[in-house]
Structure formats: structure tokens, C-alpha cells
Amino acid sequence: MLIRLAAAGAAVLLLAGCTQQPQSAPATPSPATSSAVSSSAASPTRTPISATTPFSPPPPTTITPARPSVTPTPSIEPGGCPTSALTVRALRGSGAAGHEFAFVQFTNTSTSACSLTGYPGVLLLLGGQPLGQPAVRSGEPIHTVRIPPGTSVSANLVDDSSCNAAISDSVQVIPPNRTDRIVLKLALRGCRLTVGPVTAS
């Protein structure tokens, strides 16, 4: 009797074990897989960029502007008369057919001898405005003229008065190799004017 009951109980247990399905445990990722996933999510894969030298612009080019050409100021020759040492006068001379003559006189009023060399600049004026063209040089040779104190030298003027031009009321004179302008009274017809070099009077 006991043997039958034991056999019946074993059969019941066996049947119950066959009807229950074992529950599968949830898959637990391995530490290696979990680490790889979190690493991939935190730091997305980027293509490495090679480092390059930053661009440095070239230094600016310094351009030095060209200096304009300047005509040098005439210099006084050694022993030359400064304008302050001269008294200048414009004087009429004799006339001829179709020509008028005059001269510019330079007197040394200082206490020391000095000299002049070359042609003075001469321009006729009327009412303070230029009348005609500046005097042209005669082409005569020039010489350094020594002027003792109280002595005068001069440069001749020849006016071709055959033109029908107005008559000047003054003349502008620039001593040889100087830049000072001196205005003097002088009446000449505003035609072609020629000036000679300074010579001993």
C-alpha cells in the first residue's frame, strides 16, 4: 500500500514539473558590452582632423612716396653781393628806330667789396600785372664782376618797340643768382625784351 502511494506521488510531481515552463532570466549585458555602449553614446566617433599651421598674413608693405623734384635755390657765389647790400635802379637810355633802350643798375652800398655774375631776371609790369613775356637773355658771355663799396655795375635792356603793345609803368628785377624780387618804375613798350649780363659800368 505504501509503495503504491509513493509511486502515485512521484507521478504527480513529475506531471507538475512537465507542465510548468521555466521563466527565462532577463539578459544582463556583459560588462564589456555595457561599457562599449555607454562609451559610444557619450562620445560619438569623429574623423580626426590633422592640425595645420594657422594662417599669418604677410606684414604690410611700407611704400615711401617719391619726393617731388625741387629746383634748387640759386646760391650766392663766394664773395657775392647779398641783395641787402645792393641799391637797384632801372633807368631809360637812348632810343632808335623800332627799339627802346634801358639798363638796370646795381650799386654796392655795403662797406665791403662783393661781386655779381650772370643775368638778372627782368619782367615788365602794368598795374602790378605782367606785361608781355620775361626778358630773354642776349647770349653774351658772362663774367664775375667785382664791385667795390660805392661802385655800380649794370645790365642792358633792349626793347623791340615795333609791336602795338601797352607801355609798362614798372619793371620787376631779380638780381643774378638771387630770388629776391624788386619792383622799380620804368616805362617801356611791352614788346620783346632782351637783357644782357651784368658788366662794369
Protein backbone atom coordinates (compact mmCIF):
# COMPACT_ATOMS: atom_id res chain seq x y z
CA MET A 1 0.00 0.00 0.00
CA LEU A 2 2.76 2.39 0.90
CA ILE A 3 4.59 1.58 -2.26
CA ARG A 4 1.53 2.49 -4.38
CA LEU A 5 1.09 5.84 -2.62
CA ALA A 6 4.75 6.73 -3.16
CA ALA A 7 4.53 5.83 -6.80
CA ALA A 8 1.38 7.92 -7.21
CA GLY A 9 3.00 10.97 -5.53
CA ALA A 10 6.07 10.74 -7.73
CA ALA A 11 3.85 10.61 -10.80
CA VAL A 12 2.01 13.77 -9.70
CA LEU A 13 5.24 15.62 -9.08
CA LEU A 14 6.59 14.57 -12.44
CA LEU A 15 3.45 15.76 -14.20
CA ALA A 16 3.56 19.12 -12.45
CA GLY A 17 7.19 19.61 -13.39
CA CYS A 18 6.42 18.91 -17.02
CA THR A 19 3.51 21.43 -17.22
CA GLN A 20 5.44 24.45 -15.72
CA GLN A 21 7.59 26.44 -18.20
CA PRO A 22 10.83 27.72 -16.76
CA GLN A 23 10.99 31.58 -16.79
CA SER A 24 13.96 32.85 -18.68
CA ALA A 25 16.01 35.37 -16.75
CA PRO A 26 16.39 38.81 -18.35
CA ALA A 27 19.51 39.14 -20.36
CA THR A 28 22.12 41.06 -18.47
CA PRO A 29 24.65 42.69 -20.75
CA SER A 30 28.16 41.82 -20.06
CA PRO A 31 30.32 44.49 -18.54
CA ALA A 32 32.31 44.76 -21.74
CA THR A 33 29.17 45.27 -23.86
CA SER A 34 27.68 47.81 -21.43
CA SER A 35 30.90 49.77 -21.36
CA ALA A 36 31.10 49.84 -25.13
CA VAL A 37 27.51 51.08 -25.47
CA SER A 38 27.85 53.87 -22.93
CA SER A 39 31.16 54.93 -24.41
CA SER A 40 29.64 55.03 -27.88
CA ALA A 41 26.68 57.09 -26.71
CA ALA A 42 28.80 59.55 -24.71
CA SER A 43 31.49 60.15 -27.30
CA PRO A 44 30.36 59.78 -30.91
CA THR A 45 33.03 58.72 -33.31
CA ARG A 46 34.63 61.69 -35.20
CA THR A 47 37.05 61.67 -38.02
CA PRO A 48 40.30 63.15 -36.68
CA ILE A 49 41.41 66.39 -38.36
CA SER A 50 45.06 66.91 -38.88
CA ALA A 51 46.43 70.05 -37.23
CA THR A 52 47.54 72.80 -39.62
CA THR A 53 49.61 75.94 -39.04
CA PRO A 54 47.26 78.95 -38.62
CA PHE A 55 47.39 81.49 -41.49
CA SER A 56 49.56 84.50 -40.75
CA PRO A 57 49.08 87.45 -43.15
CA PRO A 58 52.31 88.96 -44.51
CA PRO A 59 53.46 92.19 -42.85
CA PRO A 60 52.19 95.34 -44.57
CA THR A 61 54.49 96.76 -47.20
CA THR A 62 55.73 100.23 -46.44
CA ILE A 63 55.65 102.44 -49.52
CA THR A 64 57.81 105.54 -49.44
CA PRO A 65 56.24 108.21 -51.64
CA ALA A 66 58.52 109.61 -54.26
CA ARG A 67 59.70 113.05 -53.45
CA PRO A 68 58.78 115.69 -56.00
CA SER A 69 61.59 117.21 -57.96
CA VAL A 70 62.55 120.57 -56.47
CA THR A 71 64.51 123.17 -58.37
CA PRO A 72 67.43 124.15 -56.13
CA THR A 73 67.51 127.74 -54.97
CA PRO A 74 70.36 129.62 -56.66
CA SER A 75 73.23 130.01 -54.26
CA ILE A 76 75.31 133.14 -53.88
CA GLU A 77 78.78 132.67 -55.32
CA PRO A 78 81.68 133.06 -52.88
CA GLY A 79 82.06 136.77 -52.25
CA GLY A 80 78.76 137.50 -53.99
CA CYS A 81 76.70 140.54 -53.06
CA PRO A 82 73.64 139.84 -50.93
CA THR A 83 70.59 141.73 -52.10
CA SER A 84 70.61 143.70 -48.86
CA ALA A 85 74.00 145.18 -49.90
CA LEU A 86 72.66 146.46 -53.25
CA THR A 87 70.73 149.50 -54.36
CA VAL A 88 68.95 148.71 -57.64
CA ARG A 89 67.67 151.25 -60.16
CA ALA A 90 66.04 150.99 -63.60
CA LEU A 91 66.99 153.81 -65.98
CA ARG A 92 65.91 154.71 -69.50
CA GLY A 93 68.58 155.04 -72.18
CA SER A 94 68.56 156.43 -75.70
CA GLY A 95 66.23 155.14 -78.42
CA ALA A 96 66.42 154.16 -82.07
CA ALA A 97 64.01 153.24 -84.84
CA GLY A 98 61.89 150.37 -83.55
CA HIS A 99 63.94 149.97 -80.34
CA GLU A 100 63.97 151.36 -76.83
CA PHE A 101 66.95 151.04 -74.51
CA ALA A 102 67.28 150.95 -70.75
CA PHE A 103 69.53 149.41 -68.12
CA VAL A 104 69.36 148.01 -64.61
CA GLN A 105 71.99 149.41 -62.27
CA PHE A 106 73.35 147.66 -59.16
CA THR A 107 75.27 149.74 -56.59
CA ASN A 108 77.20 148.20 -53.71
CA THR A 109 76.13 150.16 -50.64
CA SER A 110 77.99 147.97 -48.14
CA THR A 111 81.44 148.60 -46.68
CA SER A 112 82.99 145.52 -48.31
CA ALA A 113 83.67 144.60 -51.92
CA CYS A 114 81.41 141.92 -53.39
CA SER A 115 80.54 140.57 -56.83
CA LEU A 116 77.75 139.68 -59.26
CA THR A 117 77.80 137.07 -62.02
CA GLY A 118 75.35 136.45 -64.85
CA TYR A 119 71.97 137.75 -65.99
CA PRO A 120 69.29 139.44 -63.88
CA GLY A 121 65.67 138.41 -64.26
CA VAL A 122 63.54 141.18 -65.80
CA LEU A 123 59.76 141.40 -66.37
CA LEU A 124 57.72 144.47 -67.41
CA LEU A 125 54.59 145.22 -65.37
CA LEU A 126 51.45 147.27 -65.87
CA GLY A 127 49.18 147.85 -62.91
CA GLY A 128 51.06 145.18 -60.99
CA GLN A 129 50.41 142.52 -63.69
CA PRO A 130 52.94 141.04 -66.15
CA LEU A 131 53.12 142.87 -69.45
CA GLY A 132 54.45 140.59 -72.18
CA GLN A 133 57.00 137.86 -71.51
CA PRO A 134 60.06 137.89 -69.22
CA ALA A 135 63.16 139.30 -70.86
CA VAL A 136 65.19 136.77 -72.87
CA ARG A 137 68.94 136.55 -72.45
CA SER A 138 71.11 138.11 -75.11
CA GLY A 139 73.57 135.20 -75.17
CA GLU A 140 76.60 137.38 -74.40
CA PRO A 141 79.31 135.70 -72.28
CA ILE A 142 79.13 136.21 -68.55
CA HIS A 143 81.90 137.22 -66.16
CA THR A 144 82.14 137.69 -62.44
CA VAL A 145 82.16 141.44 -61.85
CA ARG A 146 83.75 142.71 -58.64
CA ILE A 147 82.00 145.70 -57.11
CA PRO A 148 83.95 147.80 -54.57
CA PRO A 149 81.92 149.75 -52.00
CA GLY A 150 80.06 152.66 -53.58
CA THR A 151 80.62 151.32 -57.13
CA SER A 152 77.91 150.41 -59.68
CA VAL A 153 77.55 147.77 -62.42
CA SER A 154 74.69 147.36 -64.89
CA ALA A 155 72.84 145.07 -67.28
CA ASN A 156 71.48 146.46 -70.58
CA LEU A 157 67.85 146.15 -71.73
CA VAL A 158 66.77 146.28 -75.39
CA ASP A 159 63.05 146.56 -76.16
CA ASP A 160 61.78 145.76 -79.68
CA SER A 161 59.18 148.53 -79.57
CA SER A 162 57.77 147.92 -83.06
CA CYS A 163 54.79 145.95 -81.70
CA ASN A 164 51.50 147.65 -80.87
CA ALA A 165 51.52 146.90 -77.10
CA ALA A 166 50.78 148.91 -74.00
CA ILE A 167 53.52 150.75 -72.15
CA SER A 168 54.70 149.47 -68.79
CA ASP A 169 54.61 151.51 -65.61
CA SER A 170 57.17 149.40 -63.73
CA VAL A 171 59.59 146.53 -64.01
CA GLN A 172 60.36 143.56 -61.78
CA VAL A 173 64.08 142.84 -61.33
CA ILE A 174 65.73 139.77 -59.75
CA PRO A 175 69.50 140.20 -59.18
CA PRO A 176 71.69 137.48 -60.76
CA ASN A 177 71.66 134.17 -58.86
CA ARG A 178 69.14 135.51 -56.34
CA THR A 179 65.41 135.04 -55.70
CA ASP A 180 64.56 138.49 -54.32
CA ARG A 181 62.10 140.46 -56.48
CA ILE A 182 62.49 144.24 -56.69
CA VAL A 183 59.86 146.40 -58.42
CA LEU A 184 61.03 149.69 -59.95
CA LYS A 185 59.41 152.39 -62.08
CA LEU A 186 60.16 152.03 -65.81
CA ALA A 187 58.19 152.89 -68.97
CA LEU A 188 58.83 150.59 -71.94
CA ARG A 189 56.52 149.21 -74.58
CA GLY A 190 55.52 145.66 -73.73
CA CYS A 191 57.19 144.05 -76.74
CA ARG A 192 60.00 141.51 -76.89
CA LEU A 193 62.58 142.44 -74.26
CA THR A 194 66.23 141.32 -74.22
CA VAL A 195 68.56 141.54 -71.21
CA GLY A 196 72.36 141.36 -71.15
CA PRO A 197 74.65 140.08 -68.38
CA VAL A 198 75.98 142.28 -65.61
CA THR A 199 79.04 144.24 -66.76
CA ALA A 200 81.18 147.01 -65.28
CA SER A 201 79.57 150.41 -65.92
